[in-house]
Amino acid sequence: MKYVIDKTNRPVYLQIYRQIRQDIIDGIYPFGTKLPSMRLLCDELAVSMVTVDHAYSLLCDEGYVESREKSGFFVIFREDDGFAAPAERNTSHSITQHTYPEFPFSILAKTMRRVLSEYAELLCERSPNAGLTELREAIKSYLIRNRGMKVESDQIVIGSGAEYLYGLIIALLGRERVYGIESPSYQKIEQIYRAAEVEYERLPLSHDGIESTALAETRASVIHTTPYRSFPTGITASANKRYEYIRWSGKKGRMVIEDDFESEFSVSTKPEDTLFSLSDHDNVIYMNSFSKTISPALRVGYMVLPKGLVGEFENKLGFYSCTVPTFEQFVIAELINSGDFERHINRVRRRLRKAR
């Protein structure tokens, strides 16, 4: 199979990964097929063995292929039934077992001083209701670089932590819906749905995500899932399971809330694709926060709305004031734009890999 590589563009291993992944999804490499050897691909594309190794490792981490000792890499993705014959997954690095190194205080303090000096009177101004443009633009660029999400800043809403954003989503989608939550899941998710007096169903988890039978039979029109490292189990949804979620959400009126909790600290090769980026149905709401990556004291989270919901959000909830102080928003924007945020994440991930 001939692949086209642009060495002047984005990382070459991601180009290889994306093209092979698409061939797997399209059935060019059906279930059980052996991929071309790494050496053959190196010679054909004139790239290093390290580059191809990164691409194949990412395919393994994402659940598209598995490595078999002395045999090569074989496709384990089956689009039609939502299941793969998965490689053995190591969930010993559950999020309940990690204490992540704190964001360097010296860098945080330096950034705060710079914000106080450079933004001065702007810090006393009222934030736009959806959050500062500077922070939304910084998050937009970060998501494009690191999560493969092509979004616009007007799709991003800033709020004071996940709990506040959960409440906004319920108000946006409606209290008359039935919501499906992972079982077990982060305790506050269930508490918030209960406090909002909405009906919800607990959907049991299997080794690779929500059980297929439970997903098929649920009365829920919205599922709330943490595909990468579900709390408290540490389960990561396989590639097949993520596509199963997307197929489920393709029916009219359905929606997925993708809670990307702690995905930045995955010890595997960095997963690039979110449910948001994989879906073309405009029905995934993406959520994340900076409570683990920077500091829980900042209480800053954000959600990314599908384009089709932006207008509805503005009409129904656009009057809500932003709950995050302007100062904290400028600080996080500066940390992202300076590269300090991503450097910290990369340091932590390297440390976690060494500790495996």
Protein backbone atom coordinates (compact mmCIF):
# COMPACT_ATOMS: atom_id res chain seq x y z
CA MET A 1 0.00 0.00 0.00
CA LYS A 2 1.42 3.34 -1.07
CA TYR A 3 1.23 6.17 1.43
CA VAL A 4 1.94 9.84 0.78
CA ILE A 5 4.09 11.61 3.36
CA ASP A 6 4.73 15.35 3.57
CA LYS A 7 7.89 15.74 5.63
CA THR A 8 7.39 19.52 5.80
CA ASN A 9 4.04 19.11 7.52
CA ARG A 10 2.88 17.73 10.89
CA PRO A 11 4.78 14.87 12.59
CA VAL A 12 5.43 12.13 10.05
CA TYR A 13 4.46 9.31 12.41
CA LEU A 14 1.00 10.87 12.79
CA GLN A 15 0.61 11.01 9.01
CA ILE A 16 1.47 7.30 8.78
CA TYR A 17 -0.82 6.47 11.69
CA ARG A 18 -3.77 8.37 10.23
CA GLN A 19 -3.46 6.78 6.77
CA ILE A 20 -3.12 3.23 8.07
CA ARG A 21 -5.94 3.81 10.55
CA GLN A 22 -8.20 4.99 7.72
CA ASP A 23 -7.32 1.91 5.66
CA ILE A 24 -8.28 -0.26 8.64
CA ILE A 25 -11.60 1.55 9.09
CA ASP A 26 -12.32 1.35 5.35
CA GLY A 27 -11.69 -2.41 5.37
CA ILE A 28 -8.57 -2.33 3.20
CA TYR A 29 -6.90 -4.07 6.14
CA PRO A 30 -9.75 -6.25 7.50
CA PHE A 31 -9.80 -7.96 10.87
CA GLY A 32 -6.92 -10.42 11.28
CA THR A 33 -4.83 -8.95 8.45
CA LYS A 34 -1.11 -8.53 9.00
CA LEU A 35 0.19 -5.01 8.43
CA PRO A 36 3.27 -4.40 6.27
CA SER A 37 6.47 -5.01 8.19
CA MET A 38 8.08 -2.00 9.81
CA ARG A 39 11.21 -2.48 7.71
CA LEU A 40 9.20 -2.57 4.47
CA LEU A 41 7.37 0.61 5.41
CA CYS A 42 10.65 2.32 6.35
CA ASP A 43 12.12 1.54 2.95
CA GLU A 44 8.99 2.49 1.03
CA LEU A 45 8.50 5.84 2.78
CA ALA A 46 12.19 6.64 3.33
CA VAL A 47 11.66 7.27 7.03
CA SER A 48 13.38 5.99 10.14
CA MET A 49 12.45 2.86 12.05
CA VAL A 50 11.67 5.06 15.07
CA THR A 51 9.06 6.97 13.06
CA VAL A 52 7.25 3.81 11.93
CA ASP A 53 7.53 2.36 15.44
CA HIS A 54 5.77 5.45 16.84
CA ALA A 55 2.97 5.07 14.28
CA TYR A 56 2.49 1.35 14.96
CA SER A 57 2.65 1.91 18.73
CA LEU A 58 -0.13 4.48 18.47
CA LEU A 59 -2.24 2.04 16.43
CA CYS A 60 -1.72 -0.52 19.20
CA ASP A 61 -2.54 1.95 21.96
CA GLU A 62 -5.71 3.00 20.16
CA GLY A 63 -6.87 -0.61 19.77
CA TYR A 64 -6.62 -0.92 15.99
CA VAL A 65 -3.83 -3.51 15.91
CA GLU A 66 -1.89 -5.76 18.25
CA SER A 67 1.72 -6.85 18.20
CA ARG A 68 2.40 -10.58 18.17
CA GLU A 69 5.86 -11.69 19.15
CA LYS A 70 8.02 -12.66 16.16
CA SER A 71 4.97 -12.42 13.88
CA GLY A 72 4.26 -8.73 13.34
CA PHE A 73 1.26 -6.43 13.74
CA PHE A 74 -2.28 -7.70 13.15
CA VAL A 75 -5.57 -5.82 12.81
CA ILE A 76 -7.99 -6.34 15.72
CA PHE A 77 -10.51 -3.66 14.71
CA ARG A 78 -13.97 -4.82 13.60
CA GLU A 79 -16.19 -1.89 12.69
CA ASP A 80 -19.37 -3.87 12.19
CA ASP A 81 -19.88 -5.35 15.64
CA GLY A 82 -18.24 -2.90 18.00
CA PHE A 83 -15.78 -5.46 19.34
CA ALA A 84 -12.16 -6.32 18.79
CA ALA A 85 -10.22 -9.32 19.97
CA PRO A 86 -8.16 -6.98 22.11
CA ALA A 87 -4.57 -7.22 23.11
CA GLU A 88 -4.15 -7.74 26.85
CA ARG A 89 -4.77 -4.37 28.49
CA ASN A 90 -2.78 -3.32 31.51
CA THR A 91 -5.02 -1.25 33.77
CA SER A 92 -2.61 -1.30 36.70
CA HIS A 93 -1.92 2.38 36.13
CA SER A 94 -5.45 3.28 37.18
CA ILE A 95 -5.90 6.94 37.97
CA THR A 96 -6.59 6.00 41.58
CA GLN A 97 -2.95 4.93 41.91
CA HIS A 98 -1.26 8.09 40.64
CA THR A 99 -0.21 11.17 42.51
CA TYR A 100 0.86 13.54 39.79
CA PRO A 101 3.73 15.97 40.32
CA GLU A 102 2.41 19.46 40.87
CA PHE A 103 2.80 22.19 38.30
CA PRO A 104 6.08 24.00 39.15
CA PHE A 105 5.17 26.82 41.51
CA SER A 106 8.05 28.98 40.29
CA ILE A 107 6.63 28.97 36.75
CA LEU A 108 3.10 29.58 37.99
CA ALA A 109 4.25 32.49 40.17
CA LYS A 110 6.32 33.99 37.34
CA THR A 111 3.33 33.79 35.00
CA MET A 112 1.06 35.42 37.57
CA ARG A 113 3.51 38.30 38.01
CA ARG A 114 3.71 38.75 34.25
CA VAL A 115 -0.08 38.83 33.94
CA LEU A 116 -0.36 41.40 36.74
CA SER A 117 2.26 43.55 35.04
CA GLU A 118 1.17 43.26 31.42
CA TYR A 119 -2.62 43.17 31.71
CA ALA A 120 -3.02 45.62 34.60
CA GLU A 121 -6.43 47.36 34.27
CA LEU A 122 -7.80 44.59 32.02
CA LEU A 123 -7.88 42.34 35.08
CA CYS A 124 -10.63 44.50 36.57
CA GLU A 125 -12.84 44.24 33.51
CA ARG A 126 -15.78 41.88 33.25
CA SER A 127 -15.14 38.64 31.39
CA PRO A 128 -17.34 37.78 28.39
CA ASN A 129 -20.00 35.31 29.46
CA ALA A 130 -18.39 32.35 27.66
CA GLY A 131 -14.89 33.28 28.84
CA LEU A 132 -12.01 35.47 27.70
CA THR A 133 -11.26 35.38 24.00
CA GLU A 134 -7.55 35.01 24.86
CA LEU A 135 -8.15 31.80 26.82
CA ARG A 136 -10.61 30.35 24.33
CA GLU A 137 -8.16 30.97 21.47
CA ALA A 138 -5.34 29.36 23.48
CA ILE A 139 -7.48 26.29 24.23
CA LYS A 140 -8.52 26.11 20.57
CA SER A 141 -4.87 26.01 19.44
CA TYR A 142 -3.99 23.44 22.11
CA LEU A 143 -6.84 21.13 21.06
CA ILE A 144 -5.84 21.35 17.41
CA ARG A 145 -2.21 20.50 18.24
CA ASN A 146 -2.79 17.78 20.79
CA ARG A 147 -6.26 16.30 20.39
CA GLY A 148 -6.91 16.57 16.65
CA MET A 149 -9.98 18.74 17.24
CA LYS A 150 -10.72 21.37 14.60
CA VAL A 151 -12.85 23.83 16.53
CA GLU A 152 -13.55 27.55 16.63
CA SER A 153 -13.20 29.64 19.76
CA ASP A 154 -16.94 30.42 19.83
CA GLN A 155 -17.58 26.71 20.47
CA ILE A 156 -15.62 26.87 23.74
CA VAL A 157 -17.27 27.81 27.05
CA ILE A 158 -15.20 28.45 30.19
CA GLY A 159 -16.58 27.58 33.64
CA SER A 160 -15.49 27.05 37.22
CA GLY A 161 -14.89 23.32 37.15
CA ALA A 162 -16.64 20.26 35.80
CA GLU A 163 -19.59 20.36 38.20
CA TYR A 164 -20.67 23.79 36.97
CA LEU A 165 -20.36 22.70 33.34
CA TYR A 166 -22.37 19.51 33.98
CA GLY A 167 -25.19 21.75 35.20
CA LEU A 168 -25.01 23.93 32.10
CA ILE A 169 -25.18 20.87 29.85
CA ILE A 170 -28.28 19.56 31.62
CA ALA A 171 -29.92 22.98 31.26
CA LEU A 172 -28.96 23.05 27.58
CA LEU A 173 -30.02 19.52 26.59
CA GLY A 174 -33.09 19.40 28.82
CA ARG A 175 -34.22 17.86 32.10
CA GLU A 176 -36.85 15.74 30.35
CA ARG A 177 -34.16 13.51 28.83
CA VAL A 178 -32.85 10.25 30.27
CA TYR A 179 -29.08 10.36 30.82
CA GLY A 180 -26.79 7.34 30.82
CA ILE A 181 -23.73 7.28 33.07
CA GLU A 182 -20.90 4.78 33.38
CA SER A 183 -21.07 2.39 36.33
CA PRO A 184 -18.87 2.76 38.26
CA SER A 185 -18.08 6.40 37.56
CA TYR A 186 -16.92 9.60 39.21
CA GLN A 187 -19.27 9.96 42.18
CA LYS A 188 -20.09 13.62 41.56
CA ILE A 189 -21.50 12.87 38.11
CA GLU A 190 -24.33 10.83 39.61
CA GLN A 191 -24.78 13.34 42.44
CA ILE A 192 -25.20 16.21 39.98
CA TYR A 193 -27.79 14.38 37.87
CA ARG A 194 -29.66 13.44 41.03
CA ALA A 195 -29.53 17.02 42.35
CA ALA A 196 -30.81 18.29 38.98
CA GLU A 197 -33.75 15.89 39.35
CA VAL A 198 -33.21 14.27 35.98
CA GLU A 199 -33.70 10.59 35.25
CA TYR A 200 -30.51 8.63 34.66
CA GLU A 201 -29.47 5.03 34.09
CA ARG A 202 -26.27 3.34 35.24
CA LEU A 203 -24.56 1.62 32.31
CA PRO A 204 -22.14 -1.13 33.41
CA LEU A 205 -18.57 -1.09 32.14
CA SER A 206 -16.77 -4.02 30.56
CA HIS A 207 -13.03 -4.26 29.96
CA ASP A 208 -13.14 -1.73 27.10
CA GLY A 209 -16.00 0.65 27.90
CA ILE A 210 -19.78 0.57 28.33
CA GLU A 211 -21.18 -2.91 27.74
CA SER A 212 -22.62 -3.18 24.24
CA THR A 213 -25.86 -4.79 25.41
CA ALA A 214 -26.44 -2.04 27.96
CA LEU A 215 -25.74 0.62 25.35
CA ALA A 216 -28.12 -0.97 22.85
CA GLU A 217 -30.94 -1.38 25.37
CA THR A 218 -30.70 1.88 27.31
CA ARG A 219 -33.57 4.37 27.26
CA ALA A 220 -31.04 7.19 27.56
CA SER A 221 -30.76 9.72 24.76
CA VAL A 222 -27.56 11.16 26.27
CA ILE A 223 -24.58 9.14 27.48
CA HIS A 224 -21.92 10.62 29.73
CA THR A 225 -18.64 8.79 29.18
CA THR A 226 -14.97 9.07 30.03
CA PRO A 227 -13.37 7.19 27.09
CA TYR A 228 -9.80 7.74 28.26
CA ARG A 229 -9.16 6.45 31.79
CA SER A 230 -12.62 6.20 33.31
CA PHE A 231 -12.69 6.89 37.05
CA PRO A 232 -12.27 4.88 39.26
CA THR A 233 -11.50 1.83 37.10
CA GLY A 234 -8.87 3.35 34.80
CA ILE A 235 -10.57 1.63 31.83
CA THR A 236 -9.83 3.14 28.42
CA ALA A 237 -12.38 2.59 25.66
CA SER A 238 -10.97 0.68 22.71
CA ALA A 239 -11.11 2.05 19.17
CA ASN A 240 -14.04 -0.27 18.45
CA LYS A 241 -15.91 0.95 21.50
CA ARG A 242 -15.40 4.61 20.61
CA TYR A 243 -16.83 3.97 17.14
CA GLU A 244 -19.68 2.09 18.78
CA TYR A 245 -20.46 5.20 20.84
CA ILE A 246 -20.41 7.29 17.67
CA ARG A 247 -22.71 4.88 15.82
CA TRP A 248 -25.08 4.92 18.81
CA SER A 249 -25.14 8.72 18.81
CA GLY A 250 -25.90 8.84 15.07
CA LYS A 251 -29.62 8.34 15.66
CA LYS A 252 -31.68 11.53 15.79
CA GLY A 253 -31.87 13.23 19.16
CA ARG A 254 -28.94 11.41 20.76
CA MET A 255 -25.92 13.11 22.31
CA VAL A 256 -22.61 12.07 23.89
CA ILE A 257 -20.91 13.99 26.70
CA GLU A 258 -17.20 13.20 26.41
CA ASP A 259 -15.42 13.83 29.71
CA ASP A 260 -11.71 13.78 28.81
CA PHE A 261 -10.61 13.43 32.44
CA GLU A 262 -6.80 13.22 32.85
CA SER A 263 -6.16 12.07 29.30
CA GLU A 264 -3.12 14.34 29.21
CA PHE A 265 -1.33 12.03 31.66
CA SER A 266 -1.79 8.80 29.73
CA VAL A 267 1.39 6.71 29.93
CA SER A 268 0.71 5.23 26.50
CA THR A 269 1.67 6.88 23.24
CA LYS A 270 -0.40 10.04 23.17
CA PRO A 271 -3.89 9.28 21.81
CA GLU A 272 -4.80 11.88 19.23
CA ASP A 273 -8.44 11.26 18.46
CA THR A 274 -11.33 12.17 20.73
CA LEU A 275 -14.94 11.18 20.18
CA PHE A 276 -15.49 14.82 19.26
CA SER A 277 -12.95 14.66 16.44
CA LEU A 278 -14.10 11.23 15.22
CA SER A 279 -17.78 12.14 15.02
CA ASP A 280 -19.25 13.92 12.02
CA HIS A 281 -22.80 14.04 13.40
CA ASP A 282 -22.41 17.27 15.41
CA ASN A 283 -23.57 15.49 18.56
CA VAL A 284 -20.59 15.24 20.93
CA ILE A 285 -19.94 17.72 23.74
CA TYR A 286 -16.30 17.63 24.87
CA MET A 287 -15.25 18.51 28.42
CA ASN A 288 -11.95 18.94 30.24
CA SER A 289 -10.44 20.95 33.08
CA PHE A 290 -7.13 22.24 34.40
CA SER A 291 -7.64 21.00 37.97
CA LYS A 292 -5.19 18.10 37.57
CA THR A 293 -2.87 19.53 34.95
CA ILE A 294 -2.25 22.87 36.71
CA SER A 295 -3.94 23.14 40.11
CA PRO A 296 -7.29 22.22 41.70
CA ALA A 297 -7.22 25.63 43.39
CA LEU A 298 -7.79 27.33 40.02
CA ARG A 299 -11.15 25.58 39.45
CA VAL A 300 -11.15 26.19 35.71
CA GLY A 301 -12.81 23.88 33.22
CA TYR A 302 -14.15 24.16 29.71
CA MET A 303 -16.50 22.48 27.29
CA VAL A 304 -16.52 22.42 23.50
CA LEU A 305 -19.96 22.50 21.92
CA PRO A 306 -20.73 21.06 18.49
CA LYS A 307 -21.37 23.88 16.03
CA GLY A 308 -25.05 23.05 15.87
CA LEU A 309 -25.49 23.79 19.58
CA VAL A 310 -23.62 27.11 19.74
CA GLY A 311 -26.61 29.22 18.73
CA GLU A 312 -28.97 27.30 21.03
CA PHE A 313 -26.57 27.74 23.94
CA GLU A 314 -26.35 31.49 23.34
CA ASN A 315 -30.14 31.79 23.14
CA LYS A 316 -30.90 29.68 26.21
CA LEU A 317 -27.90 30.22 28.49
CA GLY A 318 -25.89 33.07 27.01
CA PHE A 319 -26.96 35.34 29.85
CA TYR A 320 -24.99 33.26 32.39
CA SER A 321 -21.94 35.21 33.60
CA CYS A 322 -18.55 33.50 33.41
CA THR A 323 -17.74 32.09 36.83
CA VAL A 324 -13.94 32.20 36.44
CA PRO A 325 -12.08 35.38 37.46
CA THR A 326 -10.42 37.28 34.62
CA PHE A 327 -7.01 37.01 36.31
CA GLU A 328 -7.07 33.21 36.36
CA GLN A 329 -8.18 33.06 32.74
CA PHE A 330 -5.28 35.26 31.63
CA VAL A 331 -2.85 33.12 33.68
CA ILE A 332 -3.94 29.87 32.01
CA ALA A 333 -3.89 31.49 28.57
CA GLU A 334 -0.30 32.62 29.20
CA LEU A 335 0.74 29.15 30.42
CA ILE A 336 -0.64 27.56 27.25
CA ASN A 337 0.72 30.16 24.84
CA SER A 338 4.20 30.13 26.41
CA GLY A 339 4.49 26.34 26.09
CA ASP A 340 4.93 25.90 29.86
CA PHE A 341 1.66 23.96 30.11
CA GLU A 342 2.62 21.36 27.51
CA ARG A 343 6.19 21.09 28.81
CA HIS A 344 4.83 20.21 32.25
CA ILE A 345 2.50 17.57 30.82
CA ASN A 346 5.34 16.01 28.83
CA ARG A 347 7.59 15.94 31.91
CA VAL A 348 4.92 14.17 33.95
CA ARG A 349 4.20 11.63 31.22
CA ARG A 350 7.91 10.79 30.88
CA ARG A 351 8.12 10.30 34.65
CA LEU A 352 5.05 8.06 34.69
CA ARG A 353 6.47 5.91 31.89
CA LYS A 354 9.70 5.38 33.82
CA ALA A 355 7.72 4.36 36.89
CA ARG A 356 5.72 1.65 35.07
